[in-house]
Amino acid sequence: MEGEAEVHAAGGVIVRRADGGPEVALVHRPKYDDWSLPKGKLDRGEGWEEAALREVEEETGLRCRLLDELEPVSYLDPKQRRKLVRYWLMEPVAGSFAPNKEVDRFEWLALDDALARLTYDRDRELVRAAVGR
């Protein structure tokens, strides 16, 4: 829509070390029936990093530590608005998943399995860039 503000969101690529190599956290959103990275819109007056940590905790139950900021992602959302999402590589420090209104499933997956499970190419590219370093 003409003059409509860009949507700003933030999220994380959460990685933990496992015996078989790094594992990536993915969430399933029943509203969209997709597997994606945890993210969400910034609240009014909220900073990018604060929003990323809050959204990740709300969707996964995990409190995380920010590592590197990743390349931002921009696309048209389902309402055809321009959406800018800034992501950080994160590591979990505490917490556990419980299903909630936005996310009904959560999984830790090995890199290849995570890439196969993700619904969106933009998420696959982000995970490859973050974990394939």
C-alpha atoms as a PDB file:
ATOM      1  CA  MET A   1       0.000   0.000   0.000  1.00  0.00           C
ATOM      2  CA  GLU A   2       1.298   3.457  -0.863  1.00  0.00           C
ATOM      3  CA  GLY A   3       3.052   5.138   2.052  1.00  0.00           C
ATOM      4  CA  GLU A   4       2.667   2.184   4.421  1.00  0.00           C
ATOM      5  CA  ALA A   5       5.616   1.884   6.777  1.00  0.00           C
ATOM      6  CA  GLU A   6       8.099  -0.926   6.472  1.00  0.00           C
ATOM      7  CA  VAL A   7       7.546  -3.735   8.986  1.00  0.00           C
ATOM      8  CA  HIS A   8      10.531  -4.281  11.281  1.00  0.00           C
ATOM      9  CA  ALA A   9      11.200  -7.654  12.892  1.00  0.00           C
ATOM     10  CA  ALA A  10      14.103  -9.368  14.624  1.00  0.00           C
ATOM     11  CA  GLY A  11      15.023 -12.953  15.391  1.00  0.00           C
ATOM     12  CA  GLY A  12      17.696 -15.528  15.835  1.00  0.00           C
ATOM     13  CA  VAL A  13      19.538 -18.483  14.392  1.00  0.00           C
ATOM     14  CA  ILE A  14      19.971 -20.456  17.605  1.00  0.00           C
ATOM     15  CA  VAL A  15      22.795 -22.977  17.501  1.00  0.00           C
ATOM     16  CA  ARG A  16      23.971 -25.491  20.080  1.00  0.00           C
ATOM     17  CA  ARG A  17      26.926 -27.839  19.942  1.00  0.00           C
ATOM     18  CA  ALA A  18      26.124 -31.549  19.833  1.00  0.00           C
ATOM     19  CA  ASP A  19      28.262 -34.673  19.425  1.00  0.00           C
ATOM     20  CA  GLY A  20      27.389 -34.928  15.726  1.00  0.00           C
ATOM     21  CA  GLY A  21      28.079 -31.241  15.054  1.00  0.00           C
ATOM     22  CA  PRO A  22      26.028 -28.070  15.414  1.00  0.00           C
ATOM     23  CA  GLU A  23      22.250 -28.235  15.789  1.00  0.00           C
ATOM     24  CA  VAL A  24      19.848 -25.457  14.791  1.00  0.00           C
ATOM     25  CA  ALA A  25      16.575 -24.603  16.547  1.00  0.00           C
ATOM     26  CA  LEU A  26      13.487 -24.425  14.307  1.00  0.00           C
ATOM     27  CA  VAL A  27       9.899 -23.535  15.154  1.00  0.00           C
ATOM     28  CA  HIS A  28       6.624 -24.647  13.574  1.00  0.00           C
ATOM     29  CA  ARG A  29       3.902 -22.004  13.327  1.00  0.00           C
ATOM     30  CA  PRO A  30       0.442 -23.557  12.904  1.00  0.00           C
ATOM     31  CA  LYS A  31      -1.031 -20.292  11.556  1.00  0.00           C
ATOM     32  CA  TYR A  32       1.210 -20.593   8.482  1.00  0.00           C
ATOM     33  CA  ASP A  33       1.965 -24.338   8.729  1.00  0.00           C
ATOM     34  CA  ASP A  34       5.643 -23.559   8.214  1.00  0.00           C
ATOM     35  CA  TRP A  35       9.011 -24.366   9.758  1.00  0.00           C
ATOM     36  CA  SER A  36      11.043 -21.233  10.279  1.00  0.00           C
ATOM     37  CA  LEU A  37      13.483 -19.363  12.465  1.00  0.00           C
ATOM     38  CA  PRO A  38      12.078 -17.644  15.552  1.00  0.00           C
ATOM     39  CA  LYS A  39      11.386 -13.961  14.936  1.00  0.00           C
ATOM     40  CA  GLY A  40       8.800 -11.256  15.447  1.00  0.00           C
ATOM     41  CA  LYS A  41       7.935  -7.599  15.111  1.00  0.00           C
ATOM     42  CA  LEU A  42       9.553  -4.924  17.238  1.00  0.00           C
ATOM     43  CA  ASP A  43       7.398  -3.343  19.919  1.00  0.00           C
ATOM     44  CA  ARG A  44       7.126   0.459  19.899  1.00  0.00           C
ATOM     45  CA  GLY A  45      10.348   1.956  21.276  1.00  0.00           C
ATOM     46  CA  GLU A  46      12.113  -1.409  21.412  1.00  0.00           C
ATOM     47  CA  GLY A  47      15.639  -1.880  20.077  1.00  0.00           C
ATOM     48  CA  TRP A  48      16.565  -4.519  17.491  1.00  0.00           C
ATOM     49  CA  GLU A  49      18.702  -6.660  19.817  1.00  0.00           C
ATOM     50  CA  GLU A  50      16.139  -6.458  22.645  1.00  0.00           C
ATOM     51  CA  ALA A  51      13.379  -7.516  20.227  1.00  0.00           C
ATOM     52  CA  ALA A  52      15.427 -10.424  18.874  1.00  0.00           C
ATOM     53  CA  LEU A  53      16.062 -11.806  22.374  1.00  0.00           C
ATOM     54  CA  ARG A  54      12.438 -11.261  23.469  1.00  0.00           C
ATOM     55  CA  GLU A  55      10.904 -12.851  20.371  1.00  0.00           C
ATOM     56  CA  VAL A  56      13.224 -15.858  20.531  1.00  0.00           C
ATOM     57  CA  GLU A  57      12.342 -16.409  24.193  1.00  0.00           C
ATOM     58  CA  GLU A  58       8.601 -15.970  23.545  1.00  0.00           C
ATOM     59  CA  GLU A  59       8.602 -18.481  20.683  1.00  0.00           C
ATOM     60  CA  THR A  60      11.096 -21.055  21.986  1.00  0.00           C
ATOM     61  CA  GLY A  61      11.229 -20.624  25.762  1.00  0.00           C
ATOM     62  CA  LEU A  62      15.003 -20.218  25.460  1.00  0.00           C
ATOM     63  CA  ARG A  63      16.960 -17.340  26.924  1.00  0.00           C
ATOM     64  CA  CYS A  64      19.882 -16.782  24.584  1.00  0.00           C
ATOM     65  CA  ARG A  65      23.100 -14.849  24.252  1.00  0.00           C
ATOM     66  CA  LEU A  66      23.674 -12.760  21.144  1.00  0.00           C
ATOM     67  CA  LEU A  67      26.719 -13.628  19.065  1.00  0.00           C
ATOM     68  CA  ASP A  68      27.216 -12.133  15.584  1.00  0.00           C
ATOM     69  CA  GLU A  69      24.627 -10.120  13.718  1.00  0.00           C
ATOM     70  CA  LEU A  70      23.776 -11.787  10.397  1.00  0.00           C
ATOM     71  CA  GLU A  71      22.854 -10.247   7.054  1.00  0.00           C
ATOM     72  CA  PRO A  72      19.413  -8.625   7.224  1.00  0.00           C
ATOM     73  CA  VAL A  73      16.589 -10.158   5.189  1.00  0.00           C
ATOM     74  CA  SER A  74      13.975  -8.139   3.296  1.00  0.00           C
ATOM     75  CA  TYR A  75      10.848  -9.429   1.569  1.00  0.00           C
ATOM     76  CA  LEU A  76       7.145  -8.792   1.044  1.00  0.00           C
ATOM     77  CA  ASP A  77       4.973 -10.198   3.826  1.00  0.00           C
ATOM     78  CA  PRO A  78       1.595 -11.892   3.196  1.00  0.00           C
ATOM     79  CA  LYS A  79      -0.079  -8.442   3.272  1.00  0.00           C
ATOM     80  CA  GLN A  80       2.364  -7.261   0.563  1.00  0.00           C
ATOM     81  CA  ARG A  81       4.196  -4.920   2.936  1.00  0.00           C
ATOM     82  CA  ARG A  82       7.981  -4.604   2.802  1.00  0.00           C
ATOM     83  CA  LYS A  83       9.409  -6.455   5.824  1.00  0.00           C
ATOM     84  CA  LEU A  84      12.956  -6.058   7.136  1.00  0.00           C
ATOM     85  CA  VAL A  85      14.192  -8.740   9.535  1.00  0.00           C
ATOM     86  CA  ARG A  86      17.489  -8.485  11.385  1.00  0.00           C
ATOM     87  CA  TYR A  87      18.849 -11.760  12.771  1.00  0.00           C
ATOM     88  CA  TRP A  88      21.592 -12.685  15.204  1.00  0.00           C
ATOM     89  CA  LEU A  89      23.468 -15.903  15.657  1.00  0.00           C
ATOM     90  CA  MET A  90      22.560 -16.957  19.217  1.00  0.00           C
ATOM     91  CA  GLU A  91      23.449 -19.601  21.738  1.00  0.00           C
ATOM     92  CA  PRO A  92      21.005 -20.835  24.369  1.00  0.00           C
ATOM     93  CA  VAL A  93      21.856 -20.225  28.023  1.00  0.00           C
ATOM     94  CA  ALA A  94      18.661 -21.383  29.817  1.00  0.00           C
ATOM     95  CA  GLY A  95      15.037 -22.321  29.377  1.00  0.00           C
ATOM     96  CA  SER A  96      12.939 -24.961  27.665  1.00  0.00           C
ATOM     97  CA  PHE A  97      10.182 -25.056  25.075  1.00  0.00           C
ATOM     98  CA  ALA A  98       6.472 -25.129  25.862  1.00  0.00           C
ATOM     99  CA  PRO A  99       3.878 -24.870  23.066  1.00  0.00           C
ATOM    100  CA  ASN A 100       2.211 -21.468  22.848  1.00  0.00           C
ATOM    101  CA  LYS A 101      -0.317 -19.615  20.688  1.00  0.00           C
ATOM    102  CA  GLU A 102       2.220 -18.842  17.944  1.00  0.00           C
ATOM    103  CA  VAL A 103       4.448 -21.934  17.991  1.00  0.00           C
ATOM    104  CA  ASP A 104       3.195 -25.482  18.498  1.00  0.00           C
ATOM    105  CA  ARG A 105       6.420 -27.393  17.807  1.00  0.00           C
ATOM    106  CA  PHE A 106      10.142 -26.844  18.335  1.00  0.00           C
ATOM    107  CA  GLU A 107      13.045 -29.005  17.202  1.00  0.00           C
ATOM    108  CA  TRP A 108      16.813 -29.091  17.378  1.00  0.00           C
ATOM    109  CA  LEU A 109      18.081 -30.417  14.047  1.00  0.00           C
ATOM    110  CA  ALA A 110      21.490 -31.168  12.557  1.00  0.00           C
ATOM    111  CA  LEU A 111      22.446 -28.676   9.850  1.00  0.00           C
ATOM    112  CA  ASP A 112      21.418 -30.797   6.831  1.00  0.00           C
ATOM    113  CA  ASP A 113      18.124 -31.783   8.487  1.00  0.00           C
ATOM    114  CA  ALA A 114      17.397 -28.155   9.408  1.00  0.00           C
ATOM    115  CA  LEU A 115      18.058 -27.025   5.836  1.00  0.00           C
ATOM    116  CA  ALA A 116      15.702 -29.715   4.532  1.00  0.00           C
ATOM    117  CA  ARG A 117      12.955 -28.865   7.060  1.00  0.00           C
ATOM    118  CA  LEU A 118      12.932 -25.063   6.649  1.00  0.00           C
ATOM    119  CA  THR A 119      10.026 -23.812   4.530  1.00  0.00           C
ATOM    120  CA  TYR A 120      11.656 -20.666   3.131  1.00  0.00           C
ATOM    121  CA  ASP A 121      14.763 -20.342   0.952  1.00  0.00           C
ATOM    122  CA  ARG A 122      15.677 -17.080   2.727  1.00  0.00           C
ATOM    123  CA  ASP A 123      15.890 -18.997   6.034  1.00  0.00           C
ATOM    124  CA  ARG A 124      18.025 -21.732   4.431  1.00  0.00           C
ATOM    125  CA  GLU A 125      20.434 -19.095   3.093  1.00  0.00           C
ATOM    126  CA  LEU A 126      20.673 -17.452   6.496  1.00  0.00           C
ATOM    127  CA  VAL A 127      21.364 -20.748   8.284  1.00  0.00           C
ATOM    128  CA  ARG A 128      23.997 -21.740   5.701  1.00  0.00           C
ATOM    129  CA  ALA A 129      25.734 -18.390   6.181  1.00  0.00           C
ATOM    130  CA  ALA A 130      25.554 -18.551   9.992  1.00  0.00           C
ATOM    131  CA  VAL A 131      26.454 -22.188  10.615  1.00  0.00           C
ATOM    132  CA  GLY A 132      28.495 -23.010   7.547  1.00  0.00           C
ATOM    133  CA  ARG A 133      31.291 -20.643   8.575  1.00  0.00           C
END
